[in-house]
Structure formats: C-alpha cells, structure tokens
C-alpha cells in the first residue's frame, strides 16, 4: 500500500481523476477539475481507507460478518434486517480519534481559508464504483460535532436497503467502503444543472441549462419548474429561453445544520434568475469541461452571492452524460435514476399531468 493509499484524508488539490479507488469518483472528479483550471468549492475528501479503518477498529466489520453468516438466503426481508443492523452499528459507534482529529483539523483549516467560523459544508457520498442515486448527500453542516455525525450518516447510507440490494444484484457483495467529500457550501443565489448536449435529441452543438433560485435541491428534486435555456455551443448565445415558475427555493439555516424551503417573492418569479452575462459564463465553463474530458458531461453549478463575477460561478460536481449513452445500447437493466437522470428523463419524455 502506497503512502497515499494509507491517508485518511486528502485535499481536492491533491487528487486526480485516477484517484477514484482512493476517494470515490465524485471526489476524484473535483480534483481532476482543479487540474483543468475549473473553479470548484474548496474542500477535502475522507478516503475509503478511513471508512475501512472505522469499521475495523470499532469491530463493526467482524460483527457484520457474523451477523450475515446467520441470515442465510439474501431475501428482501434479510436485506432489510441486515440494513437495519449495519446502520445501527455505524450510527452508534464512536469514530476512532485519529479520524476525528484529522477531520476536525481539516475542517478548521477550511474555516480559516473561508474566513468563516463554523463554515457550512456539504457532506457527500463518493463511491469508487457507480451507484447512481443510492447513497446520501447532506447540506449545510456546521461545526466539528455535526460534521463527524454526518460523516457517519454518509457511511451508513451505503447500507440502506436500496443500496444493499443494488449491490447484491450486481454481484458486488454486502460490505462497501466509500469516500466522503467535504466541500465548503456555496452561498447559492441561484443553482442548477447544465448538459453539454441537447438532452432532447443528443445534439452536441448545444448546451442546455436549468437554473432556479437558492440551493440546487429544489431543481434536482423536481420541486420547482426552473428557467430553461438552450444555448449554441459555438457562439454561447441562447437559442431558446423559457421562464420557469420558480415558486420555492431551498436555503440553508443560518443558525445550524440542515436546509429549509421558502417561497420566492413574486417579482423574482416573474424574471429570469440569471443575467445574460452569468448564463454565458455558465456555458463557457460547461464547454471547458466538455473539451477537457472530450465527451458530453452533466454539470451541477451554483452562483455564490458572496463572490464577485465571474469567480462567483462555481462547479459543484460533474459526471459523464449517461442518458444518451444508454440509448446507444449500454446495458439492458433499468437502474435507479439519480437526480440528473430524472431531469433528463422528464425533458425527453415529458411529465404526465394528472
């Protein structure tokens, strides 16, 4: 095992895309983007080794092994029982001091870099294998105590029954170590997703953008109808602009962890949520990502209210476009859709009105 493989924690700037076996794909992608000169929020990643250290030193790994031996056939009921046992063990265990100390030290460094006491962060699951939509991400986590607690919740989400059955159906086994990403939360005036092709027909000469007010949860969960743009990839000029209703927005609580939804004022609903200049910058950065990776990408972005333009346009995460590659014949088994898949599916097939 190399020195890097033994690390509990790595900062994003230490990572490259090839490091996904160490920290998971989302975290490795953020490191790769920094190498490509793409703006991301500062942060760090807990490694898969940290997860292994946790379940080994706490005795969870041995206890789960004995428990699984007693269950017999992997029925849905057995999977639910195993899920309940694993989640309970993880949430009730004390995280080893070496992990706590290094995580809290990194968090304090992030506070210093951000010039913010108890800086809000996201706590994101990051698997070394693709498991779309199977594990959790938590937003607006503040303070060392909450951070450690939500790291455990993220580790535990790898043992939710849906994630377990997904793995078993793939023949991957029960136990799974995952990475955990801890980026600084962006103070999102607006956020959304961009696609470096037209999701309606796969046309690579276009960029599609969905954007609305507040944190991205309202957009990716389908709670709002966002503003939608179709943009020419060469000129970066909009071909079509459709104003969304944008009735609500997700904001984070200023006094503690977690987020809440609030109504958007009528005057904000009646106008587009980004300026022409901001839209062009979103598309310019999306085009840079497309060119850097050499293929279409789905991109989550936000515009930080605390930063000057264009530094305010921040990339939260990226992943290769999957809907049109699936249409090209990759795989016949229906997978659980993650947030971006749901958005693209709705754009392609429409939403049934009841």
Protein backbone atom coordinates (compact mmCIF):
# COMPACT_ATOMS: atom_id res chain seq x y z
CA UNK A 1 0.00 0.00 0.00
CA UNK A 2 1.44 3.39 -1.03
CA UNK A 3 1.65 6.37 1.31
CA UNK A 4 -1.28 7.99 -0.49
CA UNK A 5 -3.38 4.83 -0.07
CA UNK A 6 -2.77 4.95 3.70
CA UNK A 7 -4.02 8.52 4.03
CA UNK A 8 -7.20 9.19 5.99
CA UNK A 9 -7.83 12.49 4.25
CA UNK A 10 -6.80 14.18 1.01
CA UNK A 11 -7.50 17.75 -0.13
CA UNK A 12 -9.11 18.17 -3.53
CA UNK A 13 -5.99 19.80 -4.96
CA UNK A 14 -4.03 16.62 -4.13
CA UNK A 15 -6.35 14.48 -6.26
CA UNK A 16 -6.62 13.48 -9.90
CA UNK A 17 -9.34 11.57 -11.71
CA UNK A 18 -7.26 8.40 -11.46
CA UNK A 19 -7.51 8.53 -7.65
CA UNK A 20 -11.12 7.31 -7.63
CA UNK A 21 -10.16 3.97 -5.98
CA UNK A 22 -8.88 6.01 -3.01
CA UNK A 23 -11.64 8.61 -2.55
CA UNK A 24 -14.52 7.69 -4.87
CA UNK A 25 -15.47 9.13 -8.25
CA UNK A 26 -17.13 12.40 -7.18
CA UNK A 27 -14.13 13.43 -5.12
CA UNK A 28 -11.61 12.37 -7.78
CA UNK A 29 -13.56 14.34 -10.41
CA UNK A 30 -13.31 17.52 -8.32
CA UNK A 31 -9.54 17.08 -8.09
CA UNK A 32 -9.33 16.50 -11.82
CA UNK A 33 -11.35 19.66 -12.49
CA UNK A 34 -8.92 21.73 -10.43
CA UNK A 35 -6.10 20.35 -12.59
CA UNK A 36 -8.08 21.54 -15.63
CA UNK A 37 -8.39 25.08 -14.25
CA UNK A 38 -12.11 24.73 -13.49
CA UNK A 39 -13.47 26.61 -10.46
CA UNK A 40 -14.77 24.41 -7.65
CA UNK A 41 -15.53 24.99 -3.99
CA UNK A 42 -12.55 24.27 -1.69
CA UNK A 43 -12.70 21.11 0.38
CA UNK A 44 -11.28 17.70 1.25
CA UNK A 45 -12.13 14.02 0.99
CA UNK A 46 -12.14 11.25 3.56
CA UNK A 47 -10.71 8.18 1.88
CA UNK A 48 -12.06 4.65 1.52
CA UNK A 49 -9.21 3.70 3.83
CA UNK A 50 -10.74 5.92 6.54
CA UNK A 51 -14.04 4.04 6.16
CA UNK A 52 -12.20 0.70 6.39
CA UNK A 53 -10.33 1.88 9.48
CA UNK A 54 -13.62 2.91 11.09
CA UNK A 55 -15.46 -0.38 10.56
CA UNK A 56 -12.39 -2.44 11.50
CA UNK A 57 -11.30 -0.62 14.67
CA UNK A 58 -14.84 -0.35 16.01
CA UNK A 59 -15.45 -4.07 15.46
CA UNK A 60 -18.33 -3.36 13.07
CA UNK A 61 -16.77 -5.35 10.22
CA UNK A 62 -16.39 -8.50 12.34
CA UNK A 63 -19.84 -8.13 13.88
CA UNK A 64 -21.49 -7.69 10.49
CA UNK A 65 -19.63 -10.71 9.15
CA UNK A 66 -21.01 -12.91 11.92
CA UNK A 67 -24.47 -11.43 11.50
CA UNK A 68 -24.51 -12.04 7.74
CA UNK A 69 -23.46 -15.67 8.24
CA UNK A 70 -26.57 -16.18 10.36
CA UNK A 71 -29.03 -14.69 7.84
CA UNK A 72 -28.91 -17.34 5.15
CA UNK A 73 -30.54 -16.60 1.77
CA UNK A 74 -30.45 -12.96 0.61
CA UNK A 75 -34.20 -12.28 0.56
CA UNK A 76 -35.63 -8.76 0.70
CA UNK A 77 -36.53 -9.35 4.35
CA UNK A 78 -32.99 -10.50 5.11
CA UNK A 79 -31.56 -7.45 3.32
CA UNK A 80 -33.81 -5.15 5.37
CA UNK A 81 -32.70 -6.87 8.57
CA UNK A 82 -29.04 -6.58 7.56
CA UNK A 83 -29.55 -2.92 6.62
CA UNK A 84 -31.11 -2.09 9.98
CA UNK A 85 -28.27 -3.84 11.81
CA UNK A 86 -25.49 -2.16 9.81
CA UNK A 87 -26.95 1.34 10.05
CA UNK A 88 -27.50 0.98 13.80
CA UNK A 89 -23.93 -0.23 14.37
CA UNK A 90 -22.44 2.63 12.36
CA UNK A 91 -24.54 5.42 13.87
CA UNK A 92 -23.95 4.23 17.44
CA UNK A 93 -20.18 3.67 17.09
CA UNK A 94 -17.51 6.11 18.22
CA UNK A 95 -15.30 7.27 15.35
CA UNK A 96 -11.63 6.47 16.11
CA UNK A 97 -9.74 9.52 17.46
CA UNK A 98 -7.22 9.50 14.60
CA UNK A 99 -10.06 10.06 12.09
CA UNK A 100 -11.82 12.64 14.28
CA UNK A 101 -8.62 14.63 14.88
CA UNK A 102 -7.59 14.75 11.23
CA UNK A 103 -11.11 15.57 10.01
CA UNK A 104 -11.58 18.35 12.55
CA UNK A 105 -8.14 19.81 11.79
CA UNK A 106 -9.01 19.90 8.08
CA UNK A 107 -12.38 21.48 8.87
CA UNK A 108 -10.68 24.22 10.91
CA UNK A 109 -8.28 24.85 8.03
CA UNK A 110 -11.29 25.18 5.71
CA UNK A 111 -12.83 27.69 8.16
CA UNK A 112 -9.60 29.70 8.06
CA UNK A 113 -9.43 29.60 4.26
CA UNK A 114 -13.05 30.78 4.10
CA UNK A 115 -12.59 33.37 6.88
CA UNK A 116 -15.76 31.96 8.46
CA UNK A 117 -16.28 30.42 11.89
CA UNK A 118 -18.08 27.06 11.65
CA UNK A 119 -18.16 27.34 7.87
CA UNK A 120 -21.11 25.42 6.36
CA UNK A 121 -20.08 22.39 4.32
CA UNK A 122 -21.72 19.65 2.31
CA UNK A 123 -21.06 16.03 3.27
CA UNK A 124 -21.23 13.98 0.07
CA UNK A 125 -21.02 10.23 -0.52
CA UNK A 126 -18.48 9.21 -3.15
CA UNK A 127 -18.29 5.59 -4.28
CA UNK A 128 -15.40 4.09 -6.21
CA UNK A 129 -17.99 2.31 -8.39
CA UNK A 130 -21.02 3.95 -9.98
CA UNK A 131 -24.13 3.57 -7.84
CA UNK A 132 -26.36 6.41 -9.09
CA UNK A 133 -28.80 7.73 -6.52
CA UNK A 134 -28.05 5.04 -3.93
CA UNK A 135 -26.27 6.98 -1.19
CA UNK A 136 -26.76 10.26 0.64
CA UNK A 137 -25.51 13.83 0.49
CA UNK A 138 -26.14 16.27 3.37
CA UNK A 139 -26.09 20.05 3.06
CA UNK A 140 -25.26 22.96 5.38
CA UNK A 141 -23.40 21.01 8.04
CA UNK A 142 -21.76 23.32 10.59
CA UNK A 143 -19.28 22.66 13.38
CA UNK A 144 -16.97 19.77 14.22
CA UNK A 145 -19.54 17.71 16.17
CA UNK A 146 -22.16 17.82 13.40
CA UNK A 147 -19.52 17.12 10.76
CA UNK A 148 -18.42 13.87 12.43
CA UNK A 149 -22.04 12.82 12.96
CA UNK A 150 -22.93 13.39 9.30
CA UNK A 151 -19.81 11.59 8.11
CA UNK A 152 -21.15 8.56 9.99
CA UNK A 153 -24.60 9.06 8.40
CA UNK A 154 -22.95 9.14 4.98
CA UNK A 155 -21.03 5.93 5.68
CA UNK A 156 -24.28 4.39 6.96
CA UNK A 157 -26.11 5.34 3.74
CA UNK A 158 -24.04 2.70 1.91
CA UNK A 159 -26.11 0.18 3.90
CA UNK A 160 -29.58 1.50 3.16
CA UNK A 161 -31.62 -1.41 1.86
CA UNK A 162 -31.83 0.02 -1.68
CA UNK A 163 -28.04 0.28 -1.85
CA UNK A 164 -27.58 -3.24 -0.49
CA UNK A 165 -30.00 -4.85 -2.95
CA UNK A 166 -28.47 -2.86 -5.82
CA UNK A 167 -25.02 -4.24 -4.95
CA UNK A 168 -26.23 -7.79 -4.49
CA UNK A 169 -28.00 -7.67 -7.86
CA UNK A 170 -24.68 -6.59 -9.38
CA UNK A 171 -22.83 -9.37 -7.59
CA UNK A 172 -20.71 -6.90 -5.61
CA UNK A 173 -21.31 -8.25 -2.10
CA UNK A 174 -22.59 -6.66 1.07
CA UNK A 175 -19.68 -4.69 2.55
CA UNK A 176 -18.73 -1.44 0.83
CA UNK A 177 -16.30 1.31 1.81
CA UNK A 178 -16.98 4.74 0.35
CA UNK A 179 -15.27 8.11 0.26
CA UNK A 180 -16.82 11.21 1.80
CA UNK A 181 -16.43 14.66 0.23
CA UNK A 182 -16.48 17.78 2.43
CA UNK A 183 -16.61 20.92 0.24
CA UNK A 184 -17.43 24.39 1.52
CA UNK A 185 -21.08 25.17 0.91
CA UNK A 186 -21.63 27.76 -1.78
CA UNK A 187 -23.90 30.62 -0.71
CA UNK A 188 -26.09 29.91 -3.71
CA UNK A 189 -28.05 32.86 -5.02
CA UNK A 190 -29.02 30.52 -7.86
CA UNK A 191 -28.03 26.99 -8.82
CA UNK A 192 -28.83 24.40 -11.41
CA UNK A 193 -27.56 21.88 -13.92
CA UNK A 194 -26.12 22.15 -17.40
CA UNK A 195 -25.83 19.47 -20.08
CA UNK A 196 -23.19 19.80 -22.79
CA UNK A 197 -25.59 18.44 -25.38
CA UNK A 198 -29.29 18.88 -26.10
CA UNK A 199 -30.99 16.30 -23.84
CA UNK A 200 -33.99 16.17 -26.18
CA UNK A 201 -32.06 14.76 -29.14
CA UNK A 202 -28.40 14.33 -28.15
CA UNK A 203 -27.24 17.25 -30.34
CA UNK A 204 -23.66 18.04 -29.19
CA UNK A 205 -23.68 21.51 -30.77
CA UNK A 206 -25.93 22.77 -27.96
CA UNK A 207 -25.78 23.32 -24.19
CA UNK A 208 -28.94 23.04 -22.07
CA UNK A 209 -29.23 24.84 -18.74
CA UNK A 210 -31.81 24.53 -15.95
CA UNK A 211 -31.46 27.14 -13.20
CA UNK A 212 -33.50 28.50 -10.29
CA UNK A 213 -33.07 30.41 -7.03
CA UNK A 214 -31.34 29.03 -3.94
CA UNK A 215 -29.64 25.68 -3.45
CA UNK A 216 -29.81 23.06 -6.17
CA UNK A 217 -32.03 20.68 -4.20
CA UNK A 218 -35.19 22.40 -5.47
CA UNK A 219 -34.08 21.88 -9.09
CA UNK A 220 -32.70 18.33 -8.92
CA UNK A 221 -35.62 17.04 -6.82
CA UNK A 222 -38.18 18.49 -9.26
CA UNK A 223 -39.82 20.76 -6.66
CA UNK A 224 -39.71 23.78 -8.97
CA UNK A 225 -40.02 24.50 -12.66
CA UNK A 226 -36.67 26.21 -13.34
CA UNK A 227 -35.70 28.64 -16.05
CA UNK A 228 -34.56 26.63 -19.06
CA UNK A 229 -32.14 27.69 -21.79
CA UNK A 230 -30.89 26.07 -24.97
CA UNK A 231 -27.59 27.68 -25.99
CA UNK A 232 -25.44 27.46 -29.11
CA UNK A 233 -22.14 25.85 -28.06
CA UNK A 234 -20.07 27.94 -30.52
CA UNK A 235 -21.45 31.45 -30.01
CA UNK A 236 -22.75 30.86 -26.44
CA UNK A 237 -25.86 32.78 -27.39
CA UNK A 238 -29.26 31.45 -26.27
CA UNK A 239 -31.40 29.87 -28.99
CA UNK A 240 -34.38 29.44 -26.69
CA UNK A 241 -35.13 30.86 -23.22
CA UNK A 242 -38.09 29.59 -21.20
CA UNK A 243 -39.01 31.29 -17.95
CA UNK A 244 -39.87 28.86 -15.15
CA UNK A 245 -42.36 29.43 -12.36
CA UNK A 246 -39.69 29.08 -9.61
CA UNK A 247 -42.25 29.08 -6.78
CA UNK A 248 -39.91 27.96 -3.98
CA UNK A 249 -36.23 27.87 -3.15
CA UNK A 250 -34.04 25.84 -0.82
CA UNK A 251 -31.91 27.88 1.59
CA UNK A 252 -29.74 26.81 4.48
CA UNK A 253 -30.48 27.68 8.06
CA UNK A 254 -28.15 30.36 9.42
CA UNK A 255 -28.27 29.03 12.98
CA UNK A 256 -27.40 25.37 12.40
CA UNK A 257 -27.19 22.42 10.07
CA UNK A 258 -29.80 21.39 7.51
CA UNK A 259 -31.84 23.36 4.99
CA UNK A 260 -35.37 24.65 4.55
CA UNK A 261 -37.68 25.70 1.72
CA UNK A 262 -39.11 29.22 1.44
CA UNK A 263 -41.37 30.95 -1.07
CA UNK A 264 -39.79 33.00 -3.84
CA UNK A 265 -41.12 36.61 -3.98
CA UNK A 266 -43.46 37.29 -6.90
CA UNK A 267 -41.14 39.86 -8.51
CA UNK A 268 -38.31 37.31 -8.60
CA UNK A 269 -40.53 34.60 -10.07
CA UNK A 270 -41.52 36.92 -12.91
CA UNK A 271 -37.95 37.48 -14.13
CA UNK A 272 -35.15 35.18 -15.25
CA UNK A 273 -32.93 34.06 -12.39
CA UNK A 274 -29.60 34.73 -14.14
CA UNK A 275 -28.31 37.60 -16.26
CA UNK A 276 -27.18 37.14 -19.85
CA UNK A 277 -23.59 37.57 -18.64
CA UNK A 278 -23.99 34.85 -15.99
CA UNK A 279 -25.63 32.45 -18.45
CA UNK A 280 -22.74 32.91 -20.90
CA UNK A 281 -20.19 32.19 -18.14
CA UNK A 282 -22.08 29.04 -17.05
CA UNK A 283 -21.99 27.84 -20.66
CA UNK A 284 -18.35 28.86 -21.16
CA UNK A 285 -17.26 26.80 -18.13
CA UNK A 286 -19.50 23.91 -19.24
CA UNK A 287 -17.83 23.99 -22.64
CA UNK A 288 -14.38 23.94 -20.99
CA UNK A 289 -15.41 20.83 -19.03
CA UNK A 290 -16.74 19.16 -22.20
CA UNK A 291 -13.50 19.90 -24.04
CA UNK A 292 -11.27 18.89 -21.12
CA UNK A 293 -12.88 15.47 -20.78
CA UNK A 294 -13.56 15.06 -24.51
CA UNK A 295 -17.19 13.97 -24.14
CA UNK A 296 -20.60 15.29 -23.01
CA UNK A 297 -20.99 15.97 -19.31
CA UNK A 298 -23.79 16.71 -16.85
CA UNK A 299 -22.74 19.53 -14.53
CA UNK A 300 -24.08 20.90 -11.25
CA UNK A 301 -23.25 24.57 -10.69
CA UNK A 302 -24.08 27.46 -8.38
CA UNK A 303 -23.56 31.21 -8.34
CA UNK A 304 -22.17 32.34 -4.99
CA UNK A 305 -23.79 35.52 -3.68
CA UNK A 306 -20.64 36.36 -1.68
CA UNK A 307 -18.18 36.37 -4.61
CA UNK A 308 -17.64 38.81 -7.49
CA UNK A 309 -18.44 37.75 -11.04
CA UNK A 310 -17.08 35.62 -12.73
CA UNK A 311 -15.46 33.93 -9.69
CA UNK A 312 -19.00 33.51 -8.37
CA UNK A 313 -19.78 30.73 -10.89
CA UNK A 314 -18.76 27.56 -9.04
CA UNK A 315 -18.88 23.96 -10.29
CA UNK A 316 -20.22 21.61 -7.61
CA UNK A 317 -19.83 18.26 -9.33
CA UNK A 318 -19.68 16.67 -12.78
CA UNK A 319 -20.29 13.28 -14.29
CA UNK A 320 -20.27 11.84 -17.81
CA UNK A 321 -23.61 12.18 -19.58
CA UNK A 322 -25.42 8.86 -19.28
CA UNK A 323 -28.88 9.05 -20.85
CA UNK A 324 -27.80 9.17 -24.49
CA UNK A 325 -25.01 6.64 -23.93
CA UNK A 326 -27.66 4.30 -22.51
CA UNK A 327 -29.79 4.92 -25.59
CA UNK A 328 -26.80 3.81 -27.65
CA UNK A 329 -27.23 0.38 -26.12
CA UNK A 330 -25.20 0.31 -22.92
CA UNK A 331 -26.94 -2.16 -20.61
CA UNK A 332 -30.45 -3.54 -20.53
CA UNK A 333 -31.12 -3.42 -16.80
CA UNK A 334 -33.04 -0.43 -15.53
CA UNK A 335 -31.11 1.35 -12.79
CA UNK A 336 -32.45 3.63 -10.08
CA UNK A 337 -32.25 7.12 -11.52
CA UNK A 338 -30.21 9.76 -9.76
CA UNK A 339 -31.18 13.45 -9.80
CA UNK A 340 -29.72 14.31 -13.21
CA UNK A 341 -31.21 11.21 -14.84
CA UNK A 342 -34.64 12.23 -13.54
CA UNK A 343 -34.29 15.72 -15.00
CA UNK A 344 -33.19 14.46 -18.42
CA UNK A 345 -35.88 11.77 -18.48
CA UNK A 346 -38.54 14.41 -17.86
CA UNK A 347 -37.12 16.59 -20.62
CA UNK A 348 -37.15 13.67 -23.08
CA UNK A 349 -40.47 12.05 -22.21
CA UNK A 350 -42.39 14.93 -20.65
CA UNK A 351 -44.22 14.95 -17.35
CA UNK A 352 -47.67 13.40 -17.15
CA UNK A 353 -50.28 15.86 -15.96
CA UNK A 354 -52.81 14.28 -13.63
